[in-house]
Protein backbone atom coordinates (compact mmCIF):
# COMPACT_ATOMS: atom_id res chain seq x y z
CA MET A 1 -0.18 1.31 7.52
CA LYS A 2 3.50 0.69 6.80
CA ILE A 3 4.73 -0.37 3.35
CA TYR A 4 8.30 -1.48 2.77
CA VAL A 5 10.03 -1.12 -0.60
CA GLY A 6 13.00 -3.49 -0.78
CA VAL A 7 15.81 -3.24 -3.32
CA THR A 8 15.57 -6.49 -5.25
CA ASP A 9 18.10 -8.56 -7.16
CA ASN A 10 16.90 -8.54 -10.77
CA ASN A 11 17.90 -12.17 -11.39
CA TRP A 12 15.99 -13.24 -8.26
CA TYR A 13 12.92 -11.37 -9.45
CA ASN A 14 13.05 -12.64 -13.05
CA PHE A 15 13.48 -16.26 -11.97
CA LEU A 16 10.55 -16.16 -9.53
CA ALA A 17 8.29 -14.16 -11.84
CA GLN A 18 8.40 -17.11 -14.23
CA GLN A 19 7.59 -19.60 -11.46
CA GLU A 20 4.72 -17.69 -9.75
CA PRO A 21 5.27 -19.49 -6.41
CA ASP A 22 2.97 -19.35 -3.37
CA GLU A 23 5.78 -17.97 -1.17
CA VAL A 24 9.34 -16.69 -1.51
CA ASN A 25 12.42 -16.16 0.60
CA PHE A 26 13.75 -12.62 0.16
CA TRP A 27 17.15 -13.44 1.58
CA GLN A 28 19.87 -11.19 2.92
CA PRO A 29 23.34 -12.74 2.52
CA GLY A 30 24.88 -10.98 5.52
CA GLY A 31 22.24 -12.05 8.02
CA LYS A 32 23.49 -9.55 10.60
CA GLN A 33 20.61 -7.08 10.83
CA ASN A 34 17.12 -8.05 11.88
CA PHE A 35 14.20 -6.92 9.73
CA ARG A 36 11.72 -4.95 11.86
CA ALA A 37 10.14 -2.63 9.30
CA LEU A 38 6.81 -4.48 9.02
CA GLU A 39 4.24 -6.18 11.20
CA PRO A 40 3.11 -9.67 10.10
CA TYR A 41 1.32 -9.58 6.73
CA GLY A 42 2.45 -6.05 5.99
CA VAL A 43 3.10 -5.17 2.34
CA PHE A 44 6.65 -5.73 1.06
CA LEU A 45 7.32 -4.40 -2.46
CA PHE A 46 10.07 -5.34 -4.94
CA LYS A 47 12.06 -2.37 -6.29
CA LEU A 48 14.34 -3.51 -9.12
CA HIS A 49 17.97 -2.49 -9.40
CA ALA A 50 18.99 0.17 -11.91
CA PRO A 51 18.50 0.69 -14.77
CA TYR A 52 14.96 -0.47 -13.90
CA ASN A 53 13.86 2.22 -11.45
CA PHE A 54 10.48 0.56 -10.89
CA ILE A 55 8.46 -1.39 -8.35
CA ALA A 56 7.60 -4.64 -10.12
CA GLY A 57 5.62 -6.63 -7.52
CA GLY A 58 5.72 -7.68 -3.91
CA GLY A 59 4.36 -10.00 -1.26
CA PHE A 60 3.09 -10.13 2.31
CA PHE A 61 5.56 -10.32 5.16
CA VAL A 62 5.34 -13.41 7.37
CA ARG A 63 8.50 -13.60 9.45
CA TYR A 64 12.16 -12.75 9.58
CA SER A 65 14.48 -15.57 10.61
CA LYS A 66 18.20 -16.30 10.50
CA LEU A 67 18.82 -19.72 8.99
CA PRO A 68 21.80 -21.72 7.74
CA VAL A 69 21.92 -21.76 3.96
CA SER A 70 21.22 -25.52 3.93
CA LEU A 71 18.00 -25.13 5.94
CA ALA A 72 16.86 -22.13 3.91
CA TRP A 73 17.15 -24.36 0.84
CA GLU A 74 15.37 -27.28 2.53
CA ALA A 75 12.52 -24.98 3.53
CA PHE A 76 12.10 -23.00 0.30
CA GLY A 77 14.04 -24.74 -2.49
CA THR A 78 13.74 -22.82 -5.76
CA LYS A 79 11.54 -20.27 -3.97
CA ASN A 80 14.89 -18.81 -2.90
CA GLY A 81 15.14 -17.50 -6.46
CA ARG A 82 17.78 -19.95 -7.66
CA SER A 83 17.39 -23.13 -9.70
CA SER A 84 19.66 -25.36 -7.57
CA TYR A 85 21.25 -25.57 -4.13
CA LEU A 86 24.70 -25.21 -5.69
CA GLU A 87 23.70 -22.02 -7.48
CA PHE A 88 22.10 -20.69 -4.28
CA ARG A 89 25.23 -21.35 -2.21
CA GLN A 90 27.46 -19.78 -4.84
CA ALA A 91 25.33 -16.63 -4.83
CA ILE A 92 25.63 -16.40 -1.04
CA TYR A 93 29.39 -16.83 -1.11
CA ARG A 94 29.78 -14.17 -3.82
CA TYR A 95 27.91 -11.63 -1.73
CA ARG A 96 29.77 -12.58 1.47
CA TRP A 97 33.21 -12.64 -0.18
CA THR A 98 33.97 -16.00 1.38
CA LYS A 99 34.30 -19.68 0.51
CA THR A 100 32.99 -23.08 1.55
CA HIS A 101 36.00 -24.09 3.65
CA VAL A 102 35.74 -20.82 5.61
CA GLU A 103 31.96 -20.94 6.15
CA PRO A 104 30.59 -24.45 5.44
CA ASP A 105 26.98 -23.41 6.18
CA PRO A 106 26.69 -19.66 6.79
CA CYS A 107 23.58 -18.10 8.35
CA ILE A 108 21.60 -15.70 6.19
CA GLY A 109 18.67 -13.41 6.87
CA CYS A 110 15.38 -14.77 5.56
CA ILE A 111 12.47 -12.40 4.96
CA VAL A 112 9.64 -14.85 4.37
CA LEU A 113 6.88 -13.54 2.11
CA THR A 114 3.60 -15.22 1.30
CA GLN A 115 1.38 -14.82 -1.78
CA PRO A 116 3.94 -12.91 -3.86
CA PHE A 117 2.76 -11.02 -6.92
CA PHE A 118 4.71 -10.19 -10.06
CA TRP A 119 3.27 -7.62 -12.44
CA PRO A 120 3.83 -7.38 -16.21
CA GLN A 121 6.21 -4.59 -17.17
CA SER A 122 3.34 -2.42 -18.39
CA ASP A 123 2.09 -2.22 -14.80
CA TRP A 124 5.37 -1.53 -13.05
CA ILE A 125 5.18 1.48 -10.74
CA PRO A 126 7.88 4.17 -10.98
CA ALA A 127 9.92 4.48 -7.79
CA PRO A 128 8.48 7.08 -5.39
CA PRO A 129 9.65 10.65 -6.07
CA ASP A 130 11.70 10.77 -2.87
CA TRP A 131 13.58 7.56 -3.68
CA SER A 132 17.35 8.02 -3.49
CA PRO A 133 19.79 6.01 -5.62
CA ASN A 134 21.91 5.69 -2.46
CA ILE A 135 19.35 3.40 -0.83
CA VAL A 136 20.97 -0.04 -0.60
CA GLN A 137 18.40 -2.24 1.17
CA GLY A 138 15.05 -0.47 1.16
CA LYS A 139 12.78 2.19 2.61
CA THR A 140 9.58 2.28 4.65
CA TYR A 141 6.55 4.33 3.63
CA ASP A 142 3.45 5.17 5.65
CA THR A 143 -0.02 5.47 4.14
CA SER A 144 -0.68 8.43 6.43
CA ASP A 145 1.74 10.44 4.26
CA VAL A 146 1.01 11.67 0.74
CA ILE A 147 3.72 9.63 -0.99
CA GLY A 148 2.88 6.45 0.92
CA ARG A 149 -0.85 6.88 0.32
CA ASN A 150 -0.34 7.40 -3.40
CA LEU A 151 1.92 4.35 -3.61
CA TRP A 152 -0.62 2.23 -1.72
CA LYS A 153 -3.40 3.30 -4.10
CA GLN A 154 -1.34 2.25 -7.11
CA VAL A 155 -0.57 -1.12 -5.49
CA GLN A 156 -4.24 -1.71 -4.69
CA GLU A 157 -5.27 -0.90 -8.25
CA ARG A 158 -2.96 -3.61 -9.55
CA LEU A 159 -3.95 -6.15 -6.90
CA TYR A 160 -7.59 -5.73 -7.83
CA LYS A 161 -6.77 -5.81 -11.53
CA TYR A 162 -5.10 -9.19 -11.22
CA SER A 163 -7.16 -10.60 -8.33
CA GLY A 164 -8.60 -13.33 -10.59
CA ARG A 165 -5.18 -14.97 -10.93
CA THR A 166 -4.47 -17.89 -8.59
CA SER A 167 -1.11 -16.35 -7.69
CA GLU A 168 -2.67 -13.10 -6.48
CA PRO A 169 -3.66 -12.57 -2.84
CA THR A 170 -7.16 -12.88 -1.47
CA LEU A 171 -8.46 -9.35 -0.99
CA MET A 172 -10.63 -8.34 1.95
CA LYS A 173 -12.57 -5.05 1.99
CA GLU A 174 -14.38 -3.45 4.88
CA ASP A 175 -17.35 -2.85 2.59
CA GLU A 176 -17.97 -3.30 -1.10
CA GLY A 177 -18.44 0.41 -1.69
CA ALA A 178 -15.02 1.49 -0.37
CA ARG A 179 -12.68 0.08 -2.95
CA TYR A 180 -9.53 1.59 -1.51
CA GLY A 181 -10.69 2.15 2.06
CA ALA A 182 -9.53 -1.00 3.83
CA GLU A 183 -5.94 -1.43 4.93
CA GLN A 184 -6.26 -5.10 5.90
CA ILE A 185 -6.37 -6.60 2.44
CA VAL A 186 -5.08 -10.12 2.63
CA LYS A 187 -6.25 -13.30 4.24
CA PRO A 188 -2.86 -15.00 4.67
CA ARG A 189 -2.24 -18.41 3.19
CA LEU A 190 1.04 -19.87 4.37
CA GLY A 191 3.21 -22.12 2.27
CA GLN A 192 5.31 -25.09 3.39
CA GLY A 193 8.46 -23.03 3.88
CA ALA A 194 6.73 -20.37 5.98
CA PHE A 195 5.08 -23.12 8.02
CA ARG A 196 8.45 -24.66 8.77
CA VAL A 197 9.99 -21.34 9.83
CA LEU A 198 7.03 -20.31 11.99
CA VAL A 199 6.82 -23.66 13.78
CA THR A 200 10.58 -23.71 14.34
CA GLU A 201 10.50 -20.25 15.89
CA ALA A 202 7.33 -20.90 17.93
CA TYR A 203 9.11 -23.80 19.66
CA GLU A 204 12.24 -21.66 20.11
CA ARG A 205 14.23 -24.08 17.96
CA ARG A 206 13.83 -26.96 20.40
CA CYS A 207 12.28 -30.39 19.93
CA ALA A 208 8.89 -30.35 21.71
CA ILE A 209 9.56 -33.78 23.26
CA THR A 210 13.28 -33.86 24.06
CA GLY A 211 14.36 -30.23 24.00
CA GLU A 212 17.02 -31.07 21.37
CA LYS A 213 18.49 -27.87 19.86
CA THR A 214 20.51 -29.22 16.92
CA LEU A 215 18.64 -27.37 14.19
CA PRO A 216 19.44 -29.62 11.18
CA VAL A 217 17.70 -32.61 12.83
CA LEU A 218 14.54 -30.73 13.84
CA HIS A 219 11.48 -31.08 11.64
CA ALA A 220 8.28 -29.05 11.60
CA ALA A 221 5.70 -31.86 11.58
CA HIS A 222 2.09 -31.43 10.57
CA ILE A 223 -0.25 -32.95 13.15
CA LYS A 224 -2.93 -33.43 10.50
CA PRO A 225 -1.15 -33.87 7.15
CA TYR A 226 -1.50 -31.16 4.53
CA SER A 227 -2.45 -33.86 2.04
CA LEU A 228 -5.50 -34.59 4.20
CA ASP A 229 -6.57 -30.93 4.44
CA GLY A 230 -4.44 -30.12 7.46
CA PRO A 231 -3.50 -26.43 7.16
CA HIS A 232 -0.06 -24.84 7.10
CA ALA A 233 -0.84 -23.30 10.50
CA VAL A 234 1.41 -23.24 13.55
CA SER A 235 -1.45 -24.71 15.62
CA ASN A 236 -1.32 -27.73 13.29
CA GLY A 237 2.43 -28.12 13.75
CA ILE A 238 4.88 -29.50 16.26
CA LEU A 239 8.68 -29.35 16.17
CA LEU A 240 10.21 -32.81 16.52
CA ARG A 241 13.59 -34.46 16.26
CA GLN A 242 13.84 -36.35 12.99
CA ASP A 243 13.35 -39.87 14.38
CA LEU A 244 10.40 -38.76 16.52
CA HIS A 245 8.85 -37.08 13.49
CA THR A 246 9.03 -40.38 11.62
CA LEU A 247 7.39 -42.28 14.49
CA PHE A 248 4.73 -39.57 14.84
CA ASP A 249 3.82 -39.69 11.15
CA ARG A 250 3.66 -43.50 11.18
CA GLY A 251 1.48 -43.68 14.28
CA TYR A 252 3.97 -45.15 16.72
CA LEU A 253 3.87 -42.00 18.83
CA THR A 254 1.26 -39.34 19.53
CA VAL A 255 0.55 -36.38 21.81
CA THR A 256 -2.68 -36.18 23.78
CA ASP A 257 -4.80 -33.05 23.93
CA ASP A 258 -3.34 -32.25 27.35
CA TYR A 259 0.17 -32.39 25.82
CA HIS A 260 1.32 -35.76 27.16
CA ILE A 261 3.26 -38.29 25.09
CA GLU A 262 1.91 -41.72 24.23
CA VAL A 263 4.07 -44.46 22.68
CA SER A 264 2.58 -47.47 20.92
CA ARG A 265 3.34 -51.04 21.98
CA ARG A 266 3.63 -51.76 18.26
CA ILE A 267 7.21 -50.45 18.22
CA LYS A 268 8.35 -53.51 20.18
CA ASP A 269 5.93 -55.82 18.34
CA ASP A 270 7.12 -54.65 14.93
CA TYR A 271 10.81 -53.98 15.60
CA GLY A 272 11.72 -55.81 18.80
CA ASN A 273 13.03 -52.69 20.50
CA GLY A 274 12.04 -49.14 21.41
CA ARG A 275 13.34 -48.85 24.96
CA ASP A 276 14.45 -45.23 24.51
CA TYR A 277 11.05 -44.29 23.13
CA TYR A 278 9.06 -46.08 25.84
CA ALA A 279 10.94 -43.97 28.38
CA LEU A 280 9.03 -40.97 26.98
CA ARG A 281 5.60 -42.48 27.65
CA GLY A 282 3.40 -40.33 29.90
CA LYS A 283 5.77 -37.38 29.98
CA LYS A 284 4.55 -33.89 29.16
CA LEU A 285 5.98 -31.94 26.24
CA LEU A 286 9.10 -30.03 27.22
CA GLU A 287 8.47 -27.25 24.75
CA ILE A 288 5.09 -25.65 24.02
CA PRO A 289 4.64 -22.31 22.20
CA LYS A 290 4.04 -19.37 24.50
CA SER A 291 1.36 -17.84 22.29
CA ALA A 292 -2.07 -19.39 22.83
CA GLN A 293 -2.86 -19.30 19.13
CA ASP A 294 0.34 -21.21 18.31
CA LYS A 295 -0.15 -24.08 20.77
CA PRO A 296 -1.07 -27.44 19.17
CA ALA A 297 -4.82 -27.32 18.59
CA LYS A 298 -6.78 -29.96 20.49
CA GLU A 299 -8.86 -30.78 17.40
CA TYR A 300 -5.74 -31.74 15.42
CA LEU A 301 -4.21 -33.69 18.31
CA ARG A 302 -7.45 -35.65 18.77
CA TRP A 303 -7.53 -36.34 15.05
CA HIS A 304 -4.01 -37.77 15.24
CA ASN A 305 -4.89 -39.81 18.36
CA GLU A 306 -7.93 -41.34 16.64
CA GLN A 307 -6.86 -41.60 13.00
CA VAL A 308 -3.07 -42.19 13.04
CA TYR A 309 -1.94 -43.54 16.43
CA LEU A 310 -1.58 -47.32 16.48
CA GLY A 311 -2.41 -47.69 20.20
């Protein structure tokens, strides 16, 4: 199993350690290099900057995505490790050595992590013995090697120690007798920000109905609302242009379980218009995720047809 140790901004870590969020955005201001070190839900650890030569926590990798600063803030807010959008933007510009009039909304790299964990200082792990002070971004370890295996054991010990906390991940063992035997240890729980990124990428950044590609007006809509026990799962999401998202949530528009669009007569009854929307009636979605597990689940679409759609 691969483990990645990422060099972490101390202010970012300290801010989030006080919040104990359900997800975080470990952002890279340059946004030029893709992050390919981990498979989904691999372990990503936080190595603090000097003088703190310690691993102080981590999280579980969900996805890497390049997003404009504005959308990264919309998706994650203070889970970006800053208290305000202004402070977040200023941090980005400092790292990029640029200004607002040069880059109004620069793209940054977003390493999305779910179920982050932040350990008290007494449980910080010293950096691995082969760690070099010249490492700028991070280093990958493998549990098949001695150093990686020892690091993984120390991480597991702390995860089990704090597993009663709501902020700690849900641990899964192959059997109760093998405390450190299993390498699949987390049942992922996605947050709102991760949901938005995953849905956006699954639909290749295009509105499912119109194919619109203007990213700021595209919304990751829940088919069954989270407030009504709809999960933050890609199969419970659909990427829609902002106005279509509003109509979908209010029941003026729905998608059948064979991926065709239905538009309610109530738009004209209630608002005396809707011609552009009625032109969509009966058409099939233009964009559907390629992965079978990411396609809109029929159970959620039927729920929306029956419980939300105005007919």
